[in-house]
C-alpha cells in the first residue's frame, strides 16, 4: 500500500468511533468511513495515481480491470441518485466542524501544531498550522465529500463522477476568502479534500493559487444546482438565500495526495525565517 493510503487508514482508525456516533442519524452509504485494502487500494492506484498528469478515462473503462467496480458503481448510483436530506445550513456547518475537529486531532497526533484558522469568523480558512515558535506557516480549508456528482458528465462536458465531484461552492464566501488569501495571508493555503466515495477514498489537496486559477479558467462557475428546502430563511421582507448554488468541480487528478500534503507541511514547519 502507498504511504498516502496508510495515512488515510490511520485517520479512519483514529476518528471512526467518534464520527460513527456523530453520524448516527445521517443516511450513510454502506462503506462510508471504511477502506477496503484490496478494492479501494485498486481504485486509488488505477483511477487516481496512474492517471495523474494525463487524460482521464471514463469510469466504465475501469470495469474490466478493477474487480467489483461495476457492481459498486451500480450500488453507488442506486443510493446517491435517490433524494436525501434537504440542505439545513446550521447542520451542514456542524457537520463540517466535526470533521475539522477529528482532522485537527489527527494532525496533532502526527506532531503538527494545528489550531482553528477562522476563530473570528472572517472567512479565513478552517485550520492553521504553526511551527514550534508559534509562527503560522500554512492554512488548510477542509472539505469532506462522500457523495459523487453522478450526473456531472451531463452538466460539465468531459468530466467523470470519480474525478469531477470535487465540488467547491463559488459566490460571496469564496470571493471574500480569496481576497483574504491573496491580499492578507502571505503563507501557503491548501484546499484539502477528504474524499470518501465508494471507489476512491483518501485525502487530497490543491494549493490556493491553482484553485483560483481553475475557477478563473471556467469563468467562475460550472454548474448551478436547483433550489431546495433549506436554502432560504424567512426574513421580515420575505426570504433570504443562505446557501451557495453555484459550483465548480476541481480536477481530482491535479491534486496531491495525503503523504505529499504532510511532507509539504513538514517542510514549511521546519523552514527557517530568512
Protein backbone atom coordinates (compact mmCIF):
# COMPACT_ATOMS: atom_id res chain seq x y z
CA UNK A 1 0.00 0.00 0.00
CA UNK A 2 1.08 3.58 -0.69
CA UNK A 3 2.06 5.86 2.19
CA UNK A 4 -0.96 8.04 1.45
CA UNK A 5 -3.26 5.04 1.88
CA UNK A 6 -1.62 4.06 5.16
CA UNK A 7 -2.09 7.60 6.46
CA UNK A 8 -5.74 7.51 5.45
CA UNK A 9 -6.24 4.24 7.29
CA UNK A 10 -4.68 5.84 10.37
CA UNK A 11 -7.06 8.81 10.05
CA UNK A 12 -10.05 6.47 9.82
CA UNK A 13 -8.84 4.39 12.76
CA UNK A 14 -8.43 7.45 14.97
CA UNK A 15 -11.77 9.03 14.06
CA UNK A 16 -14.13 6.15 13.22
CA UNK A 17 -15.79 5.67 16.62
CA UNK A 18 -16.37 9.37 17.14
CA UNK A 19 -17.66 10.04 13.62
CA UNK A 20 -19.85 6.95 13.55
CA UNK A 21 -21.57 8.14 16.71
CA UNK A 22 -21.89 11.70 15.40
CA UNK A 23 -23.34 10.47 12.08
CA UNK A 24 -25.75 8.04 13.73
CA UNK A 25 -28.83 9.83 12.32
CA UNK A 26 -27.34 10.52 8.87
CA UNK A 27 -28.08 8.17 5.94
CA UNK A 28 -24.64 6.64 5.31
CA UNK A 29 -23.53 4.59 2.34
CA UNK A 30 -22.61 1.05 3.42
CA UNK A 31 -18.83 1.53 3.03
CA UNK A 32 -18.62 5.12 4.30
CA UNK A 33 -15.78 5.67 6.79
CA UNK A 34 -14.14 2.38 5.78
CA UNK A 35 -11.29 1.42 3.44
CA UNK A 36 -11.02 -1.96 1.71
CA UNK A 37 -7.32 -2.77 1.38
CA UNK A 38 -7.91 -4.57 -1.91
CA UNK A 39 -10.78 -2.84 -3.70
CA UNK A 40 -10.23 0.76 -2.58
CA UNK A 41 -6.47 0.39 -2.96
CA UNK A 42 -7.01 -0.85 -6.52
CA UNK A 43 -9.23 2.17 -7.24
CA UNK A 44 -6.70 4.57 -5.70
CA UNK A 45 -3.86 3.14 -7.82
CA UNK A 46 -5.65 2.79 -11.16
CA UNK A 47 -8.20 5.59 -11.08
CA UNK A 48 -6.11 8.26 -9.34
CA UNK A 49 -2.40 7.58 -9.14
CA UNK A 50 -1.80 6.10 -12.59
CA UNK A 51 -3.77 8.88 -14.30
CA UNK A 52 -2.19 11.92 -12.66
CA UNK A 53 -0.96 14.33 -15.28
CA UNK A 54 -2.79 12.58 -18.12
CA UNK A 55 -6.27 12.45 -19.63
CA UNK A 56 -8.76 10.54 -17.51
CA UNK A 57 -10.72 7.51 -18.62
CA UNK A 58 -14.46 7.03 -18.45
CA UNK A 59 -15.46 5.15 -15.32
CA UNK A 60 -16.79 2.23 -17.41
CA UNK A 61 -13.29 1.66 -18.82
CA UNK A 62 -12.15 0.54 -15.37
CA UNK A 63 -14.82 -2.15 -15.00
CA UNK A 64 -12.78 -4.87 -16.76
CA UNK A 65 -9.59 -4.08 -14.78
CA UNK A 66 -10.92 -3.42 -11.25
CA UNK A 67 -12.80 -6.42 -9.81
CA UNK A 68 -16.16 -5.46 -8.21
CA UNK A 69 -16.15 -1.90 -9.58
CA UNK A 70 -19.11 -2.42 -11.90
CA UNK A 71 -21.17 -3.79 -9.02
CA UNK A 72 -20.04 -0.99 -6.72
CA UNK A 73 -20.98 1.60 -9.37
CA UNK A 74 -24.46 0.08 -9.54
CA UNK A 75 -24.94 0.29 -5.77
CA UNK A 76 -23.48 3.81 -5.68
CA UNK A 77 -25.89 5.08 -8.35
CA UNK A 78 -28.87 3.44 -6.67
CA UNK A 79 -28.00 5.03 -3.32
CA UNK A 80 -26.87 8.51 -4.36
CA UNK A 81 -29.45 9.16 -7.09
CA UNK A 82 -32.24 8.81 -4.52
CA UNK A 83 -33.32 12.08 -2.86
CA UNK A 84 -31.64 12.55 0.50
CA UNK A 85 -31.83 15.22 3.22
CA UNK A 86 -32.59 18.77 2.26
CA UNK A 87 -29.84 21.26 2.96
CA UNK A 88 -30.06 22.57 6.52
CA UNK A 89 -27.42 25.25 6.89
CA UNK A 90 -26.73 25.03 10.63
CA UNK A 91 -26.45 21.22 10.43
CA UNK A 92 -24.12 21.46 7.42
CA UNK A 93 -21.88 23.79 9.44
CA UNK A 94 -21.94 21.47 12.46
CA UNK A 95 -21.12 18.53 10.16
CA UNK A 96 -18.08 20.37 8.73
CA UNK A 97 -16.82 21.41 12.16
CA UNK A 98 -16.90 17.81 13.38
CA UNK A 99 -14.66 16.68 10.53
CA UNK A 100 -12.35 19.63 11.14
CA UNK A 101 -12.00 18.54 14.76
CA UNK A 102 -11.02 14.94 14.03
CA UNK A 103 -8.69 16.00 11.22
CA UNK A 104 -7.03 18.53 13.52
CA UNK A 105 -6.64 15.84 16.20
CA UNK A 106 -5.01 13.54 13.65
CA UNK A 107 -2.52 16.23 12.64
CA UNK A 108 -1.77 16.90 16.30
CA UNK A 109 -1.01 13.20 16.81
CA UNK A 110 1.36 13.42 13.84
CA UNK A 111 3.29 16.17 15.58
CA UNK A 112 1.76 19.23 13.93
CA UNK A 113 0.55 22.19 15.92
CA UNK A 114 -2.89 22.81 14.48
CA UNK A 115 -5.42 25.46 15.52
CA UNK A 116 -8.63 27.00 14.22
CA UNK A 117 -7.81 29.32 11.36
CA UNK A 118 -11.03 31.30 11.37
CA UNK A 119 -11.68 31.87 15.06
CA UNK A 120 -13.19 35.30 14.40
CA UNK A 121 -15.48 34.29 11.51
CA UNK A 122 -13.79 36.44 8.89
CA UNK A 123 -13.71 33.90 6.03
CA UNK A 124 -10.20 32.72 6.84
CA UNK A 125 -9.50 29.06 6.00
CA UNK A 126 -10.61 26.46 8.58
CA UNK A 127 -7.28 25.45 10.14
CA UNK A 128 -3.83 26.93 10.59
CA UNK A 129 -0.51 25.12 11.14
CA UNK A 130 2.14 26.72 13.35
CA UNK A 131 5.81 25.96 13.90
CA UNK A 132 7.47 25.40 17.28
CA UNK A 133 7.93 29.14 17.75
CA UNK A 134 4.20 29.72 17.24
CA UNK A 135 4.58 31.27 13.80
CA UNK A 136 1.83 30.46 11.28
CA UNK A 137 3.24 28.53 8.32
CA UNK A 138 0.17 27.48 6.31
CA UNK A 139 -3.62 27.35 6.30
CA UNK A 140 -5.95 24.47 5.41
CA UNK A 141 -9.51 24.73 4.07
CA UNK A 142 -11.04 21.29 4.69
CA UNK A 143 -13.93 19.66 2.78
CA UNK A 144 -15.42 16.21 3.41
CA UNK A 145 -17.17 14.62 0.43
CA UNK A 146 -18.90 11.23 0.35
CA UNK A 147 -21.44 11.69 -2.47
CA UNK A 148 -20.07 11.70 -6.04
CA UNK A 149 -21.81 14.02 -8.52
CA UNK A 150 -23.04 11.13 -10.63
CA UNK A 151 -24.52 13.26 -13.42
CA UNK A 152 -21.51 15.54 -13.82
CA UNK A 153 -20.92 14.18 -17.33
CA UNK A 154 -24.28 15.66 -18.37
CA UNK A 155 -23.57 19.10 -16.97
CA UNK A 156 -19.81 19.55 -17.44
CA UNK A 157 -18.53 18.18 -20.72
CA UNK A 158 -15.78 15.58 -20.43
CA UNK A 159 -15.93 15.08 -16.68
CA UNK A 160 -16.44 11.82 -14.76
CA UNK A 161 -18.00 11.28 -11.34
CA UNK A 162 -14.88 9.81 -9.72
CA UNK A 163 -12.61 12.73 -10.69
CA UNK A 164 -15.07 15.58 -11.23
CA UNK A 165 -17.07 15.63 -7.99
CA UNK A 166 -14.54 17.64 -6.02
CA UNK A 167 -17.03 20.42 -5.51
CA UNK A 168 -16.33 23.96 -4.36
CA UNK A 169 -19.11 26.46 -3.74
CA UNK A 170 -18.44 29.73 -5.54
CA UNK A 171 -20.03 33.04 -4.66
CA UNK A 172 -19.70 35.60 -1.90
CA UNK A 173 -17.84 33.37 0.57
CA UNK A 174 -15.15 32.14 -1.81
CA UNK A 175 -14.73 35.68 -3.18
CA UNK A 176 -14.21 37.02 0.34
CA UNK A 177 -11.84 34.18 1.21
CA UNK A 178 -9.87 34.64 -2.00
CA UNK A 179 -9.40 38.33 -1.21
CA UNK A 180 -8.01 37.44 2.22
CA UNK A 181 -5.76 34.69 0.85
CA UNK A 182 -4.34 36.85 -1.93
CA UNK A 183 -4.08 40.16 -0.08
CA UNK A 184 -3.71 39.38 3.64
CA UNK A 185 -2.33 35.87 4.10
CA UNK A 186 1.26 35.67 2.93
CA UNK A 187 1.83 31.96 3.56
CA UNK A 188 0.63 28.88 1.61
CA UNK A 189 -3.05 27.96 1.72
CA UNK A 190 -4.18 24.43 0.81
CA UNK A 191 -7.69 23.33 -0.12
CA UNK A 192 -7.87 19.85 1.41
CA UNK A 193 -10.46 17.27 0.37
CA UNK A 194 -11.31 14.24 2.50
CA UNK A 195 -12.79 12.02 -0.22
CA UNK A 196 -14.96 9.09 0.88
CA UNK A 197 -16.58 7.85 -2.34
CA UNK A 198 -17.44 4.16 -2.69
CA UNK A 199 -14.49 3.81 -5.13
CA UNK A 200 -11.77 6.41 -4.47
CA UNK A 201 -11.03 7.30 -0.85
CA UNK A 202 -8.28 9.38 0.71
CA UNK A 203 -7.10 12.90 1.49
CA UNK A 204 -6.09 15.12 -1.42
CA UNK A 205 -5.10 18.77 -1.73
CA UNK A 206 -4.62 21.68 -4.13
CA UNK A 207 -2.80 24.94 -3.43
CA UNK A 208 -4.96 28.06 -3.40
CA UNK A 209 -3.30 29.68 -6.43
CA UNK A 210 -4.16 26.60 -8.51
CA UNK A 211 -7.72 26.55 -7.16
CA UNK A 212 -8.28 30.19 -8.11
CA UNK A 213 -6.63 29.71 -11.48
CA UNK A 214 -9.04 26.85 -12.16
CA UNK A 215 -12.04 28.96 -11.10
CA UNK A 216 -10.95 31.69 -13.50
CA UNK A 217 -10.39 29.18 -16.30
CA UNK A 218 -14.06 28.10 -16.17
CA UNK A 219 -15.32 31.70 -15.87
CA UNK A 220 -16.21 31.30 -12.22
CA UNK A 221 -18.93 28.64 -12.34
CA UNK A 222 -19.55 25.23 -13.93
CA UNK A 223 -22.97 24.28 -12.60
CA UNK A 224 -25.83 25.85 -10.68
CA UNK A 225 -27.92 23.36 -8.75
CA UNK A 226 -31.66 23.69 -8.19
CA UNK A 227 -33.06 25.43 -5.16
CA UNK A 228 -34.19 23.12 -2.37
CA UNK A 229 -35.78 23.45 1.01
CA UNK A 230 -33.21 24.73 3.48
CA UNK A 231 -31.51 27.11 1.03
CA UNK A 232 -33.54 30.06 2.36
CA UNK A 233 -34.51 31.55 5.71
CA UNK A 234 -37.55 33.69 6.42
CA UNK A 235 -36.95 37.40 6.94
CA UNK A 236 -39.20 40.39 7.54
CA UNK A 237 -39.01 41.14 3.83
CA UNK A 238 -39.81 37.60 2.72
CA UNK A 239 -36.91 35.17 2.47
CA UNK A 240 -33.12 35.29 2.10
CA UNK A 241 -30.88 32.77 0.36
CA UNK A 242 -28.20 31.40 2.68
CA UNK A 243 -26.80 28.58 0.53
CA UNK A 244 -24.45 28.83 -2.44
CA UNK A 245 -25.92 27.16 -5.53
CA UNK A 246 -23.10 27.89 -7.97
CA UNK A 247 -20.36 25.25 -8.12
CA UNK A 248 -17.05 24.42 -9.71
CA UNK A 249 -15.55 20.93 -9.77
CA UNK A 250 -11.83 20.88 -9.12
CA UNK A 251 -9.98 18.11 -11.02
CA UNK A 252 -9.01 15.40 -8.54
CA UNK A 253 -6.23 14.20 -10.83
CA UNK A 254 -4.42 17.53 -10.46
CA UNK A 255 -4.40 17.25 -6.67
CA UNK A 256 -1.62 15.97 -4.47
CA UNK A 257 -2.15 13.05 -2.11
CA UNK A 258 -2.11 12.78 1.69
CA UNK A 259 1.58 11.98 2.08
CA UNK A 260 2.53 14.85 -0.22
CA UNK A 261 0.44 17.24 1.86
CA UNK A 262 2.07 16.16 5.12
CA UNK A 263 5.53 16.31 3.53
CA UNK A 264 4.83 19.85 2.35
CA UNK A 265 3.60 20.88 5.79
CA UNK A 266 6.67 19.31 7.43
CA UNK A 267 8.95 21.37 5.20
CA UNK A 268 7.04 24.56 5.99
CA UNK A 269 7.16 23.89 9.74
CA UNK A 270 10.91 23.32 9.59
CA UNK A 271 11.82 26.27 7.39
CA UNK A 272 13.99 28.92 8.98
CA UNK A 273 12.99 32.57 8.56
CA UNK A 274 15.12 34.39 6.09
